[in-house]
Amino acid sequence: MTTPEAIAAARLALIAADPTLTRAHADVPIFDWRTRIGGFEGLFRMIVEQQVSLASAAAIWKRTVDGLEGVVTPQAVLARDIETLRSFGLSGQKARYAHEIARAQTEGRIDFDHLGRLSDAEATAALVAIKGVGRWTAETFLMFCEGRTDVFPAGDIALQEAMRWADGAALRPNEKQAYIRAERWAPHRSVAAHLLWGWYGAVKRGEIALEELKTGEGA
């Protein structure tokens, strides 16, 4: 559940299970779940928007939707060749990945309508089996587009850095270490990720000064 009440309860459960999150919890206001459209369109949009600024992502996605005449389906994407997709602002690689995702659905290798019946691990495996879909993309898709509350994209650098601050560590954890570290936060790992992202963003925006962190909390 991703209701405000459920998120608030999960945050309290997190700091009870792991007091190192207390500072982040205190610094980050109540947040809403970052829900996005799911299915083929949601995954396609995630690929389109990766590795570009928010403004560029919005502009490219608008051009893509307009180029597809408002019909964002596997069939509509496959009806455009790579060069046409590139004319919307996609890189050649992203255009090819768009075709890969579209073929995966039309060929039955992924069924977005039934993805919810799979466990987190099974759903992640089904998504990363598609060329162009990495584990981070799969996990963030499950969090934002499916509302899953116990997924943790440990390869995310911002999350790793916020984990370092929380633990007062000299070095941020690598992906494997972050996955292991996050096990303590089950079954609320997605809520922990939202909390750490919120904390990281506040620090980077200058709303929280890291030097204010006490020893043991990420000085």
C-alpha atoms as a PDB file:
ATOM      1  CA  MET A   1       0.000   0.000   0.000  1.00  0.00           C
ATOM      2  CA  THR A   2       1.278   3.463  -0.877  1.00  0.00           C
ATOM      3  CA  THR A   3      -1.289   5.599   0.945  1.00  0.00           C
ATOM      4  CA  PRO A   4       0.062   8.453   3.090  1.00  0.00           C
ATOM      5  CA  GLU A   5      -0.902   6.494   6.203  1.00  0.00           C
ATOM      6  CA  ALA A   6       0.921   3.383   5.021  1.00  0.00           C
ATOM      7  CA  ILE A   7       4.031   5.382   4.119  1.00  0.00           C
ATOM      8  CA  ALA A   8       4.023   7.122   7.519  1.00  0.00           C
ATOM      9  CA  ALA A   9       3.702   3.765   9.299  1.00  0.00           C
ATOM     10  CA  ALA A  10       6.499   2.297   7.186  1.00  0.00           C
ATOM     11  CA  ARG A  11       8.811   5.201   8.054  1.00  0.00           C
ATOM     12  CA  LEU A  12       8.241   4.630  11.756  1.00  0.00           C
ATOM     13  CA  ALA A  13       8.893   0.923  11.301  1.00  0.00           C
ATOM     14  CA  LEU A  14      12.125   1.714   9.467  1.00  0.00           C
ATOM     15  CA  ILE A  15      13.610   3.918  12.170  1.00  0.00           C
ATOM     16  CA  ALA A  16      12.548   1.406  14.814  1.00  0.00           C
ATOM     17  CA  ALA A  17      14.381  -1.338  12.909  1.00  0.00           C
ATOM     18  CA  ASP A  18      17.348   0.858  12.013  1.00  0.00           C
ATOM     19  CA  PRO A  19      17.986   4.000  14.109  1.00  0.00           C
ATOM     20  CA  THR A  20      20.613   5.196  11.605  1.00  0.00           C
ATOM     21  CA  LEU A  21      17.680   6.408   9.492  1.00  0.00           C
ATOM     22  CA  THR A  22      16.424   8.676  12.274  1.00  0.00           C
ATOM     23  CA  ARG A  23      18.201  11.795  10.945  1.00  0.00           C
ATOM     24  CA  ALA A  24      16.884  11.257   7.423  1.00  0.00           C
ATOM     25  CA  HIS A  25      13.386  10.689   8.803  1.00  0.00           C
ATOM     26  CA  ALA A  26      13.602  13.907  10.825  1.00  0.00           C
ATOM     27  CA  ASP A  27      14.906  15.946   7.894  1.00  0.00           C
ATOM     28  CA  VAL A  28      12.574  14.701   5.154  1.00  0.00           C
ATOM     29  CA  PRO A  29       8.947  15.893   5.239  1.00  0.00           C
ATOM     30  CA  ILE A  30       6.041  13.600   4.559  1.00  0.00           C
ATOM     31  CA  PHE A  31       6.161  12.572   0.903  1.00  0.00           C
ATOM     32  CA  ASP A  32       3.750  11.104  -1.602  1.00  0.00           C
ATOM     33  CA  TRP A  33       4.602   8.015  -3.603  1.00  0.00           C
ATOM     34  CA  ARG A  34       6.068   8.922  -6.984  1.00  0.00           C
ATOM     35  CA  THR A  35       3.543   7.053  -9.103  1.00  0.00           C
ATOM     36  CA  ARG A  36       3.927   6.988 -12.877  1.00  0.00           C
ATOM     37  CA  ILE A  37       2.029   5.360 -15.705  1.00  0.00           C
ATOM     38  CA  GLY A  38       2.956   1.701 -16.053  1.00  0.00           C
ATOM     39  CA  GLY A  39       2.935  -0.950 -18.735  1.00  0.00           C
ATOM     40  CA  PHE A  40       4.765  -0.636 -22.019  1.00  0.00           C
ATOM     41  CA  GLU A  41       4.423   3.139 -22.062  1.00  0.00           C
ATOM     42  CA  GLY A  42       5.915   3.480 -18.585  1.00  0.00           C
ATOM     43  CA  LEU A  43       8.965   1.348 -19.350  1.00  0.00           C
ATOM     44  CA  PHE A  44       9.488   2.998 -22.739  1.00  0.00           C
ATOM     45  CA  ARG A  45       9.340   6.424 -21.129  1.00  0.00           C
ATOM     46  CA  MET A  46      11.900   5.420 -18.503  1.00  0.00           C
ATOM     47  CA  ILE A  47      14.320   4.411 -21.250  1.00  0.00           C
ATOM     48  CA  VAL A  48      13.687   7.634 -23.180  1.00  0.00           C
ATOM     49  CA  GLU A  49      14.279   9.848 -20.147  1.00  0.00           C
ATOM     50  CA  GLN A  50      17.437   8.218 -18.813  1.00  0.00           C
ATOM     51  CA  GLN A  51      20.732  10.136 -18.753  1.00  0.00           C
ATOM     52  CA  VAL A  52      19.270  13.482 -19.778  1.00  0.00           C
ATOM     53  CA  SER A  53      18.165  16.507 -17.760  1.00  0.00           C
ATOM     54  CA  LEU A  54      14.582  16.787 -16.565  1.00  0.00           C
ATOM     55  CA  ALA A  55      13.884  19.542 -19.081  1.00  0.00           C
ATOM     56  CA  SER A  56      15.390  17.558 -21.952  1.00  0.00           C
ATOM     57  CA  ALA A  57      13.543  14.432 -20.885  1.00  0.00           C
ATOM     58  CA  ALA A  58      10.197  16.230 -20.896  1.00  0.00           C
ATOM     59  CA  ALA A  59      10.877  17.790 -24.294  1.00  0.00           C
ATOM     60  CA  ILE A  60      12.008  14.533 -25.905  1.00  0.00           C
ATOM     61  CA  TRP A  61       9.090  12.594 -24.465  1.00  0.00           C
ATOM     62  CA  LYS A  62       6.615  15.193 -25.795  1.00  0.00           C
ATOM     63  CA  ARG A  63       8.191  14.965 -29.245  1.00  0.00           C
ATOM     64  CA  THR A  64       8.012  11.189 -29.048  1.00  0.00           C
ATOM     65  CA  VAL A  65       4.330  11.153 -28.083  1.00  0.00           C
ATOM     66  CA  ASP A  66       3.557  13.693 -30.800  1.00  0.00           C
ATOM     67  CA  GLY A  67       5.530  11.649 -33.324  1.00  0.00           C
ATOM     68  CA  LEU A  68       3.547   8.565 -32.392  1.00  0.00           C
ATOM     69  CA  GLU A  69       0.363  10.615 -32.832  1.00  0.00           C
ATOM     70  CA  GLY A  70      -0.527  10.149 -29.193  1.00  0.00           C
ATOM     71  CA  VAL A  71      -0.603   6.348 -29.434  1.00  0.00           C
ATOM     72  CA  VAL A  72       2.201   4.934 -27.297  1.00  0.00           C
ATOM     73  CA  THR A  73       1.894   1.225 -27.960  1.00  0.00           C
ATOM     74  CA  PRO A  74       4.313  -1.494 -29.101  1.00  0.00           C
ATOM     75  CA  GLN A  75       2.593  -1.555 -32.481  1.00  0.00           C
ATOM     76  CA  ALA A  76       2.972   2.197 -32.932  1.00  0.00           C
ATOM     77  CA  VAL A  77       6.655   2.065 -32.033  1.00  0.00           C
ATOM     78  CA  LEU A  78       7.377  -0.875 -34.339  1.00  0.00           C
ATOM     79  CA  ALA A  79       5.590   0.944 -37.164  1.00  0.00           C
ATOM     80  CA  ARG A  80       8.381   3.556 -37.048  1.00  0.00           C
ATOM     81  CA  ASP A  81      11.875   2.653 -38.101  1.00  0.00           C
ATOM     82  CA  ILE A  82      14.956   3.572 -36.091  1.00  0.00           C
ATOM     83  CA  GLU A  83      15.640   6.747 -38.042  1.00  0.00           C
ATOM     84  CA  THR A  84      12.084   7.966 -37.507  1.00  0.00           C
ATOM     85  CA  LEU A  85      12.362   7.364 -33.771  1.00  0.00           C
ATOM     86  CA  ARG A  86      15.678   9.214 -33.768  1.00  0.00           C
ATOM     87  CA  SER A  87      13.968  12.170 -35.404  1.00  0.00           C
ATOM     88  CA  PHE A  88      11.880  12.465 -32.219  1.00  0.00           C
ATOM     89  CA  GLY A  89      15.071  13.126 -30.262  1.00  0.00           C
ATOM     90  CA  LEU A  90      15.969   9.591 -29.205  1.00  0.00           C
ATOM     91  CA  SER A  91      19.531   8.383 -29.540  1.00  0.00           C
ATOM     92  CA  GLY A  92      20.102   5.470 -31.886  1.00  0.00           C
ATOM     93  CA  GLN A  93      20.613   3.173 -28.898  1.00  0.00           C
ATOM     94  CA  LYS A  94      17.386   4.243 -27.211  1.00  0.00           C
ATOM     95  CA  ALA A  95      15.489   3.851 -30.474  1.00  0.00           C
ATOM     96  CA  ARG A  96      16.766   0.289 -30.767  1.00  0.00           C
ATOM     97  CA  TYR A  97      15.834  -0.414 -27.156  1.00  0.00           C
ATOM     98  CA  ALA A  98      12.353   0.915 -27.860  1.00  0.00           C
ATOM     99  CA  HIS A  99      12.004  -1.697 -30.604  1.00  0.00           C
ATOM    100  CA  GLU A 100      13.346  -4.378 -28.252  1.00  0.00           C
ATOM    101  CA  ILE A 101      10.763  -3.585 -25.581  1.00  0.00           C
ATOM    102  CA  ALA A 102       7.977  -3.415 -28.149  1.00  0.00           C
ATOM    103  CA  ARG A 103       8.965  -6.783 -29.644  1.00  0.00           C
ATOM    104  CA  ALA A 104       9.215  -8.328 -26.182  1.00  0.00           C
ATOM    105  CA  GLN A 105       5.567  -7.520 -25.599  1.00  0.00           C
ATOM    106  CA  THR A 106       4.237  -8.367 -29.041  1.00  0.00           C
ATOM    107  CA  GLU A 107       6.136 -11.672 -29.002  1.00  0.00           C
ATOM    108  CA  GLY A 108       4.869 -12.547 -25.543  1.00  0.00           C
ATOM    109  CA  ARG A 109       8.228 -12.432 -23.775  1.00  0.00           C
ATOM    110  CA  ILE A 110       6.838  -9.875 -21.317  1.00  0.00           C
ATOM    111  CA  ASP A 111       3.227  -9.427 -20.261  1.00  0.00           C
ATOM    112  CA  PHE A 112       2.762  -6.128 -18.485  1.00  0.00           C
ATOM    113  CA  ASP A 113      -0.852  -6.961 -17.641  1.00  0.00           C
ATOM    114  CA  HIS A 114       0.253  -9.952 -15.587  1.00  0.00           C
ATOM    115  CA  LEU A 115       3.527  -8.622 -14.224  1.00  0.00           C
ATOM    116  CA  GLY A 116       1.795  -7.911 -10.936  1.00  0.00           C
ATOM    117  CA  ARG A 117       1.302 -11.632 -10.379  1.00  0.00           C
ATOM    118  CA  LEU A 118       5.054 -12.181 -10.212  1.00  0.00           C
ATOM    119  CA  SER A 119       7.223 -11.769  -7.152  1.00  0.00           C
ATOM    120  CA  ASP A 120       9.628  -8.844  -7.033  1.00  0.00           C
ATOM    121  CA  ALA A 121      12.516 -11.116  -8.029  1.00  0.00           C
ATOM    122  CA  GLU A 122      10.548 -12.767 -10.842  1.00  0.00           C
ATOM    123  CA  ALA A 123       9.322  -9.442 -12.196  1.00  0.00           C
ATOM    124  CA  THR A 124      12.844  -7.990 -12.109  1.00  0.00           C
ATOM    125  CA  ALA A 125      14.182 -11.022 -13.966  1.00  0.00           C
ATOM    126  CA  ALA A 126      11.465 -10.760 -16.617  1.00  0.00           C
ATOM    127  CA  LEU A 127      12.259  -7.094 -17.221  1.00  0.00           C
ATOM    128  CA  VAL A 128      16.056  -7.381 -17.347  1.00  0.00           C
ATOM    129  CA  ALA A 129      15.685 -10.205 -19.876  1.00  0.00           C
ATOM    130  CA  ILE A 130      14.723  -7.477 -22.357  1.00  0.00           C
ATOM    131  CA  LYS A 131      17.743  -6.004 -24.108  1.00  0.00           C
ATOM    132  CA  GLY A 132      18.270  -2.433 -22.941  1.00  0.00           C
ATOM    133  CA  VAL A 133      16.566  -2.889 -19.571  1.00  0.00           C
ATOM    134  CA  GLY A 134      19.094  -2.971 -16.743  1.00  0.00           C
ATOM    135  CA  ARG A 135      18.452  -3.882 -13.142  1.00  0.00           C
ATOM    136  CA  TRP A 136      18.184  -0.253 -11.999  1.00  0.00           C
ATOM    137  CA  THR A 137      15.556   0.428 -14.669  1.00  0.00           C
ATOM    138  CA  ALA A 138      13.630  -2.701 -13.743  1.00  0.00           C
ATOM    139  CA  GLU A 139      13.651  -1.912 -10.047  1.00  0.00           C
ATOM    140  CA  THR A 140      12.650   1.729 -10.425  1.00  0.00           C
ATOM    141  CA  PHE A 141       9.889   0.667 -12.833  1.00  0.00           C
ATOM    142  CA  LEU A 142       8.536  -1.715 -10.210  1.00  0.00           C
ATOM    143  CA  MET A 143       8.693   1.029  -7.583  1.00  0.00           C
ATOM    144  CA  PHE A 144       7.274   3.961  -9.521  1.00  0.00           C
ATOM    145  CA  CYS A 145       5.032   2.295 -12.085  1.00  0.00           C
ATOM    146  CA  GLU A 146       3.754  -0.671 -10.069  1.00  0.00           C
ATOM    147  CA  GLY A 147       3.864   0.782  -6.576  1.00  0.00           C
ATOM    148  CA  ARG A 148       5.912  -2.071  -5.136  1.00  0.00           C
ATOM    149  CA  THR A 149       7.085  -1.229  -1.632  1.00  0.00           C
ATOM    150  CA  ASP A 150       9.930  -3.672  -1.018  1.00  0.00           C
ATOM    151  CA  VAL A 151      12.251  -3.053  -3.971  1.00  0.00           C
ATOM    152  CA  PHE A 152      15.599  -1.294  -3.554  1.00  0.00           C
ATOM    153  CA  PRO A 153      17.646  -0.091  -6.575  1.00  0.00           C
ATOM    154  CA  ALA A 154      21.004  -0.533  -4.874  1.00  0.00           C
ATOM    155  CA  GLY A 155      22.956   0.501  -7.970  1.00  0.00           C
ATOM    156  CA  ASP A 156      21.716   4.078  -7.580  1.00  0.00           C
ATOM    157  CA  ILE A 157      24.640   6.369  -6.681  1.00  0.00           C
ATOM    158  CA  ALA A 158      22.441   8.857  -4.804  1.00  0.00           C
ATOM    159  CA  LEU A 159      21.093   6.095  -2.592  1.00  0.00           C
ATOM    160  CA  GLN A 160      24.581   4.756  -1.962  1.00  0.00           C
ATOM    161  CA  GLU A 161      25.790   8.205  -0.937  1.00  0.00           C
ATOM    162  CA  ALA A 162      22.837   8.789   1.381  1.00  0.00           C
ATOM    163  CA  MET A 163      23.489   5.375   2.938  1.00  0.00           C
ATOM    164  CA  ARG A 164      27.074   6.465   3.558  1.00  0.00           C
ATOM    165  CA  TRP A 165      25.866   9.595   5.348  1.00  0.00           C
ATOM    166  CA  ALA A 166      23.421   7.590   7.457  1.00  0.00           C
ATOM    167  CA  ASP A 167      26.096   5.120   8.498  1.00  0.00           C
ATOM    168  CA  GLY A 168      28.813   7.716   8.995  1.00  0.00           C
ATOM    169  CA  ALA A 169      31.053   5.731   6.674  1.00  0.00           C
ATOM    170  CA  ALA A 170      34.154   7.006   4.907  1.00  0.00           C
ATOM    171  CA  LEU A 171      33.240   5.285   1.660  1.00  0.00           C
ATOM    172  CA  ARG A 172      29.850   4.722   0.101  1.00  0.00           C
ATOM    173  CA  PRO A 173      28.795   1.083  -0.361  1.00  0.00           C
ATOM    174  CA  ASN A 174      29.027  -0.568  -3.744  1.00  0.00           C
ATOM    175  CA  GLU A 175      25.942  -2.121  -5.306  1.00  0.00           C
ATOM    176  CA  LYS A 176      26.390  -5.529  -3.671  1.00  0.00           C
ATOM    177  CA  GLN A 177      27.042  -3.990  -0.269  1.00  0.00           C
ATOM    178  CA  ALA A 178      24.026  -1.705  -0.643  1.00  0.00           C
ATOM    179  CA  TYR A 179      21.731  -4.647  -1.404  1.00  0.00           C
ATOM    180  CA  ILE A 180      22.963  -6.425   1.709  1.00  0.00           C
ATOM    181  CA  ARG A 181      22.674  -3.266   3.820  1.00  0.00           C
ATOM    182  CA  ALA A 182      19.097  -2.686   2.649  1.00  0.00           C
ATOM    183  CA  GLU A 183      17.953  -6.143   3.731  1.00  0.00           C
ATOM    184  CA  ARG A 184      17.472  -4.704   7.199  1.00  0.00           C
ATOM    185  CA  TRP A 185      14.743  -2.456   5.801  1.00  0.00           C
ATOM    186  CA  ALA A 186      12.494  -5.217   4.447  1.00  0.00           C
ATOM    187  CA  PRO A 187       9.563  -5.187   3.893  1.00  0.00           C
ATOM    188  CA  HIS A 188       9.765  -1.403   3.393  1.00  0.00           C
ATOM    189  CA  ARG A 189      12.836  -1.075   1.181  1.00  0.00           C
ATOM    190  CA  SER A 190      11.101   1.107  -1.404  1.00  0.00           C
ATOM    191  CA  VAL A 191      10.000   3.510   1.323  1.00  0.00           C
ATOM    192  CA  ALA A 192      13.595   3.603   2.578  1.00  0.00           C
ATOM    193  CA  ALA A 193      14.731   4.443  -0.947  1.00  0.00           C
ATOM    194  CA  HIS A 194      12.218   7.308  -1.183  1.00  0.00           C
ATOM    195  CA  LEU A 195      13.367   8.560   2.207  1.00  0.00           C
ATOM    196  CA  LEU A 196      17.058   8.458   1.257  1.00  0.00           C
ATOM    197  CA  TRP A 197      16.393  10.106  -2.111  1.00  0.00           C
ATOM    198  CA  GLY A 198      14.495  12.870  -0.336  1.00  0.00           C
ATOM    199  CA  TRP A 199      17.379  13.361   2.078  1.00  0.00           C
ATOM    200  CA  TYR A 200      19.998  13.339  -0.666  1.00  0.00           C
ATOM    201  CA  GLY A 201      18.027  15.877  -2.690  1.00  0.00           C
ATOM    202  CA  ALA A 202      17.619  18.216   0.281  1.00  0.00           C
ATOM    203  CA  VAL A 203      21.356  18.152   0.925  1.00  0.00           C
ATOM    204  CA  LYS A 204      22.201  18.790  -2.716  1.00  0.00           C
ATOM    205  CA  ARG A 205      19.749  21.693  -2.849  1.00  0.00           C
ATOM    206  CA  GLY A 206      21.450  23.206   0.196  1.00  0.00           C
ATOM    207  CA  GLU A 207      18.436  22.785   2.464  1.00  0.00           C
ATOM    208  CA  ILE A 208      20.464  20.596   4.845  1.00  0.00           C
ATOM    209  CA  ALA A 209      24.162  21.097   5.574  1.00  0.00           C
ATOM    210  CA  LEU A 210      26.152  17.917   5.864  1.00  0.00           C
ATOM    211  CA  GLU A 211      28.517  19.501   8.352  1.00  0.00           C
ATOM    212  CA  GLU A 212      25.577  19.636  10.720  1.00  0.00           C
ATOM    213  CA  LEU A 213      25.508  15.845  10.857  1.00  0.00           C
ATOM    214  CA  LYS A 214      26.921  14.504  14.076  1.00  0.00           C
ATOM    215  CA  THR A 215      29.708  11.949  14.215  1.00  0.00           C
ATOM    216  CA  GLY A 216      28.204   8.547  13.539  1.00  0.00           C
ATOM    217  CA  GLU A 217      25.493   9.996  11.314  1.00  0.00           C
ATOM    218  CA  GLY A 218      27.598  10.751   8.240  1.00  0.00           C
ATOM    219  CA  ALA A 219      29.885  13.640   9.141  1.00  0.00           C
END
